């Protein structure tokens, strides 16, 4: 398996895992349990970002920067 494939698989898995923890946190009845799910969710977001940045830095996930005018337009819209 190539490095690119490993990174994309890991990225896909982290996205799926974060989705599941988000659902679990939304449906938790106990506040302590909800807080625990939210802590784990934050960790999964951190892991997802690290994997994304590794793929980006290696040129596997090129993402163009947004134009300043588009950013300002979206800020006004929302």
PDB file of N, CA and C in Angstrom:
ATOM      1  N   UNK A   1       0.850  -1.180   0.000  1.00  0.00           N
ATOM      2  CA  UNK A   1       0.000   0.000   0.000  1.00  0.00           C
ATOM      3  C   UNK A   1       0.893   1.240   0.000  1.00  0.00           C
ATOM      4  N   UNK A   2       0.551   2.187  -0.837  1.00  0.00           N
ATOM      5  CA  UNK A   2       1.317   3.422  -0.958  1.00  0.00           C
ATOM      6  C   UNK A   2       0.998   4.381   0.188  1.00  0.00           C
ATOM      7  N   UNK A   3       1.923   5.276   0.478  1.00  0.00           N
ATOM      8  CA  UNK A   3       1.742   6.259   1.537  1.00  0.00           C
ATOM      9  C   UNK A   3       0.470   7.076   1.328  1.00  0.00           C
ATOM     10  N   UNK A   4       0.231   7.487   0.094  1.00  0.00           N
ATOM     11  CA  UNK A   4      -0.966   8.276  -0.214  1.00  0.00           C
ATOM     12  C   UNK A   4      -2.223   7.490   0.162  1.00  0.00           C
ATOM     13  N   UNK A   5      -2.267   6.218  -0.188  1.00  0.00           N
ATOM     14  CA  UNK A   5      -3.433   5.385   0.125  1.00  0.00           C
ATOM     15  C   UNK A   5      -3.623   5.237   1.628  1.00  0.00           C
ATOM     16  N   UNK A   6      -2.525   5.079   2.343  1.00  0.00           N
ATOM     17  CA  UNK A   6      -2.590   4.947   3.804  1.00  0.00           C
ATOM     18  C   UNK A   6      -3.150   6.220   4.420  1.00  0.00           C
ATOM     19  N   UNK A   7      -2.646   7.371   3.981  1.00  0.00           N
ATOM     20  CA  UNK A   7      -3.117   8.647   4.519  1.00  0.00           C
ATOM     21  C   UNK A   7      -4.591   8.883   4.206  1.00  0.00           C
ATOM     22  N   UNK A   8      -5.017   8.583   2.979  1.00  0.00           N
ATOM     23  CA  UNK A   8      -6.415   8.791   2.623  1.00  0.00           C
ATOM     24  C   UNK A   8      -7.329   7.835   3.371  1.00  0.00           C
ATOM     25  N   UNK A   9      -6.884   6.598   3.581  1.00  0.00           N
ATOM     26  CA  UNK A   9      -7.673   5.640   4.356  1.00  0.00           C
ATOM     27  C   UNK A   9      -7.796   6.108   5.801  1.00  0.00           C
ATOM     28  N   UNK A  10      -6.684   6.550   6.381  1.00  0.00           N
ATOM     29  CA  UNK A  10      -6.704   7.046   7.765  1.00  0.00           C
ATOM     30  C   UNK A  10      -7.593   8.280   7.882  1.00  0.00           C
ATOM     31  N   UNK A  11      -7.523   9.160   6.905  1.00  0.00           N
ATOM     32  CA  UNK A  11      -8.348  10.368   6.915  1.00  0.00           C
ATOM     33  C   UNK A  11      -9.832  10.007   6.849  1.00  0.00           C
ATOM     34  N   UNK A  12     -10.176   9.080   5.975  1.00  0.00           N
ATOM     35  CA  UNK A  12     -11.560   8.635   5.850  1.00  0.00           C
ATOM     36  C   UNK A  12     -12.046   8.007   7.159  1.00  0.00           C
ATOM     37  N   UNK A  13     -11.194   7.214   7.785  1.00  0.00           N
ATOM     38  CA  UNK A  13     -11.569   6.570   9.048  1.00  0.00           C
ATOM     39  C   UNK A  13     -11.780   7.602  10.146  1.00  0.00           C
ATOM     40  N   UNK A  14     -10.911   8.586  10.249  1.00  0.00           N
ATOM     41  CA  UNK A  14     -11.061   9.629  11.272  1.00  0.00           C
ATOM     42  C   UNK A  14     -12.345  10.421  11.065  1.00  0.00           C
ATOM     43  N   UNK A  15     -12.686  10.694   9.822  1.00  0.00           N
ATOM     44  CA  UNK A  15     -13.932  11.412   9.545  1.00  0.00           C
ATOM     45  C   UNK A  15     -15.133  10.585   9.990  1.00  0.00           C
ATOM     46  N   UNK A  16     -15.110   9.299   9.721  1.00  0.00           N
ATOM     47  CA  UNK A  16     -16.207   8.421  10.118  1.00  0.00           C
ATOM     48  C   UNK A  16     -16.291   8.306  11.641  1.00  0.00           C
ATOM     49  N   UNK A  17     -15.143   8.154  12.279  1.00  0.00           N
ATOM     50  CA  UNK A  17     -15.109   8.041  13.744  1.00  0.00           C
ATOM     51  C   UNK A  17     -15.638   9.323  14.389  1.00  0.00           C
ATOM     52  N   UNK A  18     -15.229  10.472  13.866  1.00  0.00           N
ATOM     53  CA  UNK A  18     -15.703  11.731  14.458  1.00  0.00           C
ATOM     54  C   UNK A  18     -17.213  11.882  14.278  1.00  0.00           C
ATOM     55  N   UNK A  19     -17.724  11.400  13.174  1.00  0.00           N
ATOM     56  CA  UNK A  19     -19.169  11.435  12.958  1.00  0.00           C
ATOM     57  C   UNK A  19     -19.890  10.584  14.004  1.00  0.00           C
ATOM     58  N   UNK A  20     -19.347   9.415  14.303  1.00  0.00           N
ATOM     59  CA  UNK A  20     -19.972   8.538  15.302  1.00  0.00           C
ATOM     60  C   UNK A  20     -19.908   9.140  16.705  1.00  0.00           C
ATOM     61  N   UNK A  21     -18.763   9.725  17.075  1.00  0.00           N
ATOM     62  CA  UNK A  21     -18.668  10.355  18.395  1.00  0.00           C
ATOM     63  C   UNK A  21     -19.575  11.576  18.497  1.00  0.00           C
ATOM     64  N   UNK A  22     -19.735  12.299  17.398  1.00  0.00           N
ATOM     65  CA  UNK A  22     -20.642  13.443  17.399  1.00  0.00           C
ATOM     66  C   UNK A  22     -22.071  12.979  17.671  1.00  0.00           C
ATOM     67  N   UNK A  23     -22.489  11.916  17.019  1.00  0.00           N
ATOM     68  CA  UNK A  23     -23.826  11.370  17.249  1.00  0.00           C
ATOM     69  C   UNK A  23     -23.965  10.899  18.692  1.00  0.00           C
ATOM     70  N   UNK A  24     -22.953  10.215  19.203  1.00  0.00           N
ATOM     71  CA  UNK A  24     -22.997   9.730  20.584  1.00  0.00           C
ATOM     72  C   UNK A  24     -23.120  10.889  21.567  1.00  0.00           C
ATOM     73  N   UNK A  25     -22.368  11.966  21.330  1.00  0.00           N
ATOM     74  CA  UNK A  25     -22.439  13.130  22.222  1.00  0.00           C
ATOM     75  C   UNK A  25     -23.822  13.782  22.140  1.00  0.00           C
ATOM     76  N   UNK A  26     -24.370  13.853  20.954  1.00  0.00           N
ATOM     77  CA  UNK A  26     -25.703  14.449  20.790  1.00  0.00           C
ATOM     78  C   UNK A  26     -26.783  13.651  21.506  1.00  0.00           C
ATOM     79  N   UNK A  27     -26.602  12.354  21.617  1.00  0.00           N
ATOM     80  CA  UNK A  27     -27.646  11.498  22.176  1.00  0.00           C
ATOM     81  C   UNK A  27     -27.386  11.064  23.617  1.00  0.00           C
ATOM     82  N   UNK A  28     -26.285  11.525  24.210  1.00  0.00           N
ATOM     83  CA  UNK A  28     -25.971  11.151  25.591  1.00  0.00           C
ATOM     84  C   UNK A  28     -26.927  11.850  26.558  1.00  0.00           C
ATOM     85  N   UNK A  29     -27.486  11.084  27.476  1.00  0.00           N
ATOM     86  CA  UNK A  29     -28.397  11.652  28.470  1.00  0.00           C
ATOM     87  C   UNK A  29     -27.666  12.157  29.710  1.00  0.00           C
ATOM     88  N   UNK A  30     -26.514  11.577  29.983  1.00  0.00           N
ATOM     89  CA  UNK A  30     -25.733  11.917  31.157  1.00  0.00           C
ATOM     90  C   UNK A  30     -24.688  12.975  30.769  1.00  0.00           C
ATOM     91  N   UNK A  31     -24.622  14.082  31.514  1.00  0.00           N
ATOM     92  CA  UNK A  31     -23.710  15.176  31.158  1.00  0.00           C
ATOM     93  C   UNK A  31     -22.249  14.738  31.198  1.00  0.00           C
ATOM     94  N   UNK A  32     -21.873  13.934  32.207  1.00  0.00           N
ATOM     95  CA  UNK A  32     -20.481  13.472  32.283  1.00  0.00           C
ATOM     96  C   UNK A  32     -20.118  12.628  31.069  1.00  0.00           C
ATOM     97  N   UNK A  33     -21.031  11.771  30.637  1.00  0.00           N
ATOM     98  CA  UNK A  33     -20.789  10.946  29.458  1.00  0.00           C
ATOM     99  C   UNK A  33     -20.708  11.819  28.210  1.00  0.00           C
ATOM    100  N   UNK A  34     -21.600  12.782  28.115  1.00  0.00           N
ATOM    101  CA  UNK A  34     -21.579  13.712  26.982  1.00  0.00           C
ATOM    102  C   UNK A  34     -20.245  14.455  26.919  1.00  0.00           C
ATOM    103  N   UNK A  35     -19.775  14.938  28.072  1.00  0.00           N
ATOM    104  CA  UNK A  35     -18.493  15.646  28.118  1.00  0.00           C
ATOM    105  C   UNK A  35     -17.340  14.743  27.681  1.00  0.00           C
ATOM    106  N   UNK A  36     -17.393  13.480  28.081  1.00  0.00           N
ATOM    107  CA  UNK A  36     -16.355  12.525  27.684  1.00  0.00           C
ATOM    108  C   UNK A  36     -16.366  12.316  26.166  1.00  0.00           C
ATOM    109  N   UNK A  37     -17.556  12.148  25.605  1.00  0.00           N
ATOM    110  CA  UNK A  37     -17.659  12.013  24.154  1.00  0.00           C
ATOM    111  C   UNK A  37     -17.135  13.255  23.448  1.00  0.00           C
ATOM    112  N   UNK A  38     -17.432  14.417  23.987  1.00  0.00           N
ATOM    113  CA  UNK A  38     -16.952  15.659  23.370  1.00  0.00           C
ATOM    114  C   UNK A  38     -15.432  15.771  23.447  1.00  0.00           C
ATOM    115  N   UNK A  39     -14.835  15.322  24.550  1.00  0.00           N
ATOM    116  CA  UNK A  39     -13.366  15.307  24.660  1.00  0.00           C
ATOM    117  C   UNK A  39     -12.761  14.375  23.618  1.00  0.00           C
ATOM    118  N   UNK A  40     -13.355  13.198  23.478  1.00  0.00           N
ATOM    119  CA  UNK A  40     -12.861  12.240  22.481  1.00  0.00           C
ATOM    120  C   UNK A  40     -13.067  12.800  21.079  1.00  0.00           C
ATOM    121  N   UNK A  41     -14.203  13.447  20.851  1.00  0.00           N
ATOM    122  CA  UNK A  41     -14.478  14.062  19.552  1.00  0.00           C
ATOM    123  C   UNK A  41     -13.415  15.105  19.206  1.00  0.00           C
ATOM    124  N   UNK A  42     -13.041  15.909  20.173  1.00  0.00           N
ATOM    125  CA  UNK A  42     -11.989  16.907  19.942  1.00  0.00           C
ATOM    126  C   UNK A  42     -10.677  16.220  19.567  1.00  0.00           C
ATOM    127  N   UNK A  43     -10.365  15.120  20.239  1.00  0.00           N
ATOM    128  CA  UNK A  43      -9.153  14.351  19.896  1.00  0.00           C
ATOM    129  C   UNK A  43      -9.212  13.816  18.472  1.00  0.00           C
ATOM    130  N   UNK A  44     -10.390  13.330  18.064  1.00  0.00           N
ATOM    131  CA  UNK A  44     -10.501  12.796  16.699  1.00  0.00           C
ATOM    132  C   UNK A  44     -10.363  13.922  15.673  1.00  0.00           C
ATOM    133  N   UNK A  45     -10.870  15.109  16.002  1.00  0.00           N
ATOM    134  CA  UNK A  45     -10.683  16.247  15.094  1.00  0.00           C
ATOM    135  C   UNK A  45      -9.202  16.611  14.991  1.00  0.00           C
ATOM    136  N   UNK A  46      -8.498  16.565  16.108  1.00  0.00           N
ATOM    137  CA  UNK A  46      -7.056  16.847  16.090  1.00  0.00           C
ATOM    138  C   UNK A  46      -6.312  15.823  15.247  1.00  0.00           C
ATOM    139  N   UNK A  47      -6.677  14.558  15.389  1.00  0.00           N
ATOM    140  CA  UNK A  47      -6.035  13.494  14.601  1.00  0.00           C
ATOM    141  C   UNK A  47      -6.343  13.673  13.120  1.00  0.00           C
ATOM    142  N   UNK A  48      -7.598  13.977  12.818  1.00  0.00           N
ATOM    143  CA  UNK A  48      -7.986  14.178  11.425  1.00  0.00           C
ATOM    144  C   UNK A  48      -7.198  15.332  10.811  1.00  0.00           C
ATOM    145  N   UNK A  49      -7.040  16.407  11.564  1.00  0.00           N
ATOM    146  CA  UNK A  49      -6.298  17.559  11.054  1.00  0.00           C
ATOM    147  C   UNK A  49      -4.827  17.214  10.819  1.00  0.00           C
ATOM    148  N   UNK A  50      -4.238  16.464  11.735  1.00  0.00           N
ATOM    149  CA  UNK A  50      -2.832  16.068  11.583  1.00  0.00           C
ATOM    150  C   UNK A  50      -2.647  15.206  10.331  1.00  0.00           C
ATOM    151  N   UNK A  51      -3.563  14.287  10.112  1.00  0.00           N
ATOM    152  CA  UNK A  51      -3.485  13.433   8.926  1.00  0.00           C
ATOM    153  C   UNK A  51      -3.686  14.266   7.662  1.00  0.00           C
ATOM    154  N   UNK A  52      -4.684  15.147   7.703  1.00  0.00           N
ATOM    155  CA  UNK A  52      -4.926  16.018   6.559  1.00  0.00           C
ATOM    156  C   UNK A  52      -3.685  16.846   6.230  1.00  0.00           C
ATOM    157  N   UNK A  53      -3.076  17.446   7.245  1.00  0.00           N
ATOM    158  CA  UNK A  53      -1.895  18.285   7.010  1.00  0.00           C
ATOM    159  C   UNK A  53      -0.728  17.468   6.459  1.00  0.00           C
ATOM    160  N   UNK A  54      -0.581  16.229   6.926  1.00  0.00           N
ATOM    161  CA  UNK A  54       0.474  15.359   6.387  1.00  0.00           C
ATOM    162  C   UNK A  54       0.228  15.104   4.903  1.00  0.00           C
ATOM    163  N   UNK A  55      -1.016  14.800   4.549  1.00  0.00           N
ATOM    164  CA  UNK A  55      -1.350  14.577   3.139  1.00  0.00           C
ATOM    165  C   UNK A  55      -1.156  15.858   2.333  1.00  0.00           C
ATOM    166  N   UNK A  56      -1.565  16.974   2.894  1.00  0.00           N
ATOM    167  CA  UNK A  56      -1.410  18.265   2.222  1.00  0.00           C
ATOM    168  C   UNK A  56       0.063  18.606   2.018  1.00  0.00           C
ATOM    169  N   UNK A  57       0.864  18.440   3.069  1.00  0.00           N
ATOM    170  CA  UNK A  57       2.294  18.764   2.992  1.00  0.00           C
ATOM    171  C   UNK A  57       3.027  17.900   1.966  1.00  0.00           C
ATOM    172  N   UNK A  58       2.552  16.675   1.778  1.00  0.00           N
ATOM    173  CA  UNK A  58       3.176  15.774   0.802  1.00  0.00           C
ATOM    174  C   UNK A  58       2.648  15.998  -0.616  1.00  0.00           C
ATOM    175  N   UNK A  59       1.700  16.926  -0.765  1.00  0.00           N
ATOM    176  CA  UNK A  59       1.154  17.230  -2.075  1.00  0.00           C
ATOM    177  C   UNK A  59       0.054  16.281  -2.522  1.00  0.00           C
ATOM    178  N   UNK A  60      -0.448  15.456  -1.605  1.00  0.00           N
ATOM    179  CA  UNK A  60      -1.488  14.493  -1.944  1.00  0.00           C
ATOM    180  C   UNK A  60      -2.881  15.103  -1.903  1.00  0.00           C
ATOM    181  N   UNK A  61      -3.033  16.223  -1.221  1.00  0.00           N
ATOM    182  CA  UNK A  61      -4.351  16.825  -1.001  1.00  0.00           C
ATOM    183  C   UNK A  61      -4.248  18.328  -1.254  1.00  0.00           C
ATOM    184  N   UNK A  62      -4.033  18.712  -2.513  1.00  0.00           N
ATOM    185  CA  UNK A  62      -3.881  20.144  -2.792  1.00  0.00           C
ATOM    186  C   UNK A  62      -5.181  20.894  -2.549  1.00  0.00           C
ATOM    187  N   UNK A  63      -5.091  21.946  -1.790  1.00  0.00           N
ATOM    188  CA  UNK A  63      -6.251  22.760  -1.468  1.00  0.00           C
ATOM    189  C   UNK A  63      -5.882  24.212  -1.730  1.00  0.00           C
ATOM    190  N   UNK A  64      -6.525  24.820  -2.721  1.00  0.00           N
ATOM    191  CA  UNK A  64      -6.188  26.215  -3.018  1.00  0.00           C
ATOM    192  C   UNK A  64      -6.664  27.140  -1.897  1.00  0.00           C
ATOM    193  N   UNK A  65      -5.928  28.196  -1.679  1.00  0.00           N
ATOM    194  CA  UNK A  65      -6.317  29.197  -0.684  1.00  0.00           C
ATOM    195  C   UNK A  65      -7.477  30.025  -1.225  1.00  0.00           C
ATOM    196  N   UNK A  66      -8.367  30.401  -0.349  1.00  0.00           N
ATOM    197  CA  UNK A  66      -9.513  31.220  -0.739  1.00  0.00           C
ATOM    198  C   UNK A  66      -9.066  32.656  -0.962  1.00  0.00           C
ATOM    199  N   UNK A  67      -9.689  33.300  -1.928  1.00  0.00           N
ATOM    200  CA  UNK A  67      -9.407  34.705  -2.179  1.00  0.00           C
ATOM    201  C   UNK A  67     -10.005  35.536  -1.043  1.00  0.00           C
ATOM    202  N   UNK A  68      -9.306  36.601  -0.664  1.00  0.00           N
ATOM    203  CA  UNK A  68      -9.758  37.455   0.437  1.00  0.00           C
ATOM    204  C   UNK A  68     -11.158  38.001   0.180  1.00  0.00           C
ATOM    205  N   UNK A  69     -11.448  38.349  -1.054  1.00  0.00           N
ATOM    206  CA  UNK A  69     -12.773  38.893  -1.372  1.00  0.00           C
ATOM    207  C   UNK A  69     -13.866  37.853  -1.133  1.00  0.00           C
ATOM    208  N   UNK A  70     -13.581  36.584  -1.430  1.00  0.00           N
ATOM    209  CA  UNK A  70     -14.561  35.516  -1.195  1.00  0.00           C
ATOM    210  C   UNK A  70     -14.771  35.293   0.302  1.00  0.00           C
ATOM    211  N   UNK A  71     -13.706  35.398   1.073  1.00  0.00           N
ATOM    212  CA  UNK A  71     -13.807  35.248   2.524  1.00  0.00           C
ATOM    213  C   UNK A  71     -14.700  36.346   3.093  1.00  0.00           C
ATOM    214  N   UNK A  72     -14.463  37.582   2.686  1.00  0.00           N
ATOM    215  CA  UNK A  72     -15.262  38.711   3.173  1.00  0.00           C
ATOM    216  C   UNK A  72     -16.721  38.580   2.745  1.00  0.00           C
ATOM    217  N   UNK A  73     -16.937  38.098   1.521  1.00  0.00           N
ATOM    218  CA  UNK A  73     -18.294  37.892   1.020  1.00  0.00           C
ATOM    219  C   UNK A  73     -19.047  36.871   1.875  1.00  0.00           C
ATOM    220  N   UNK A  74     -18.385  35.785   2.244  1.00  0.00           N
ATOM    221  CA  UNK A  74     -19.011  34.761   3.071  1.00  0.00           C
ATOM    222  C   UNK A  74     -19.254  35.259   4.491  1.00  0.00           C
ATOM    223  N   UNK A  75     -18.336  36.074   5.018  1.00  0.00           N
ATOM    224  CA  UNK A  75     -18.526  36.652   6.353  1.00  0.00           C
ATOM    225  C   UNK A  75     -19.786  37.514   6.370  1.00  0.00           C
ATOM    226  N   UNK A  76     -19.976  38.296   5.327  1.00  0.00           N
ATOM    227  CA  UNK A  76     -21.155  39.156   5.249  1.00  0.00           C
ATOM    228  C   UNK A  76     -22.429  38.320   5.116  1.00  0.00           C
ATOM    229  N   UNK A  77     -22.329  37.248   4.367  1.00  0.00           N
ATOM    230  CA  UNK A  77     -23.496  36.396   4.133  1.00  0.00           C
ATOM    231  C   UNK A  77     -23.960  35.706   5.416  1.00  0.00           C
ATOM    232  N   UNK A  78     -23.003  35.277   6.234  1.00  0.00           N
ATOM    233  CA  UNK A  78     -23.364  34.545   7.445  1.00  0.00           C
ATOM    234  C   UNK A  78     -23.178  35.385   8.683  1.00  0.00           C
TER     235      UNK A  78
END
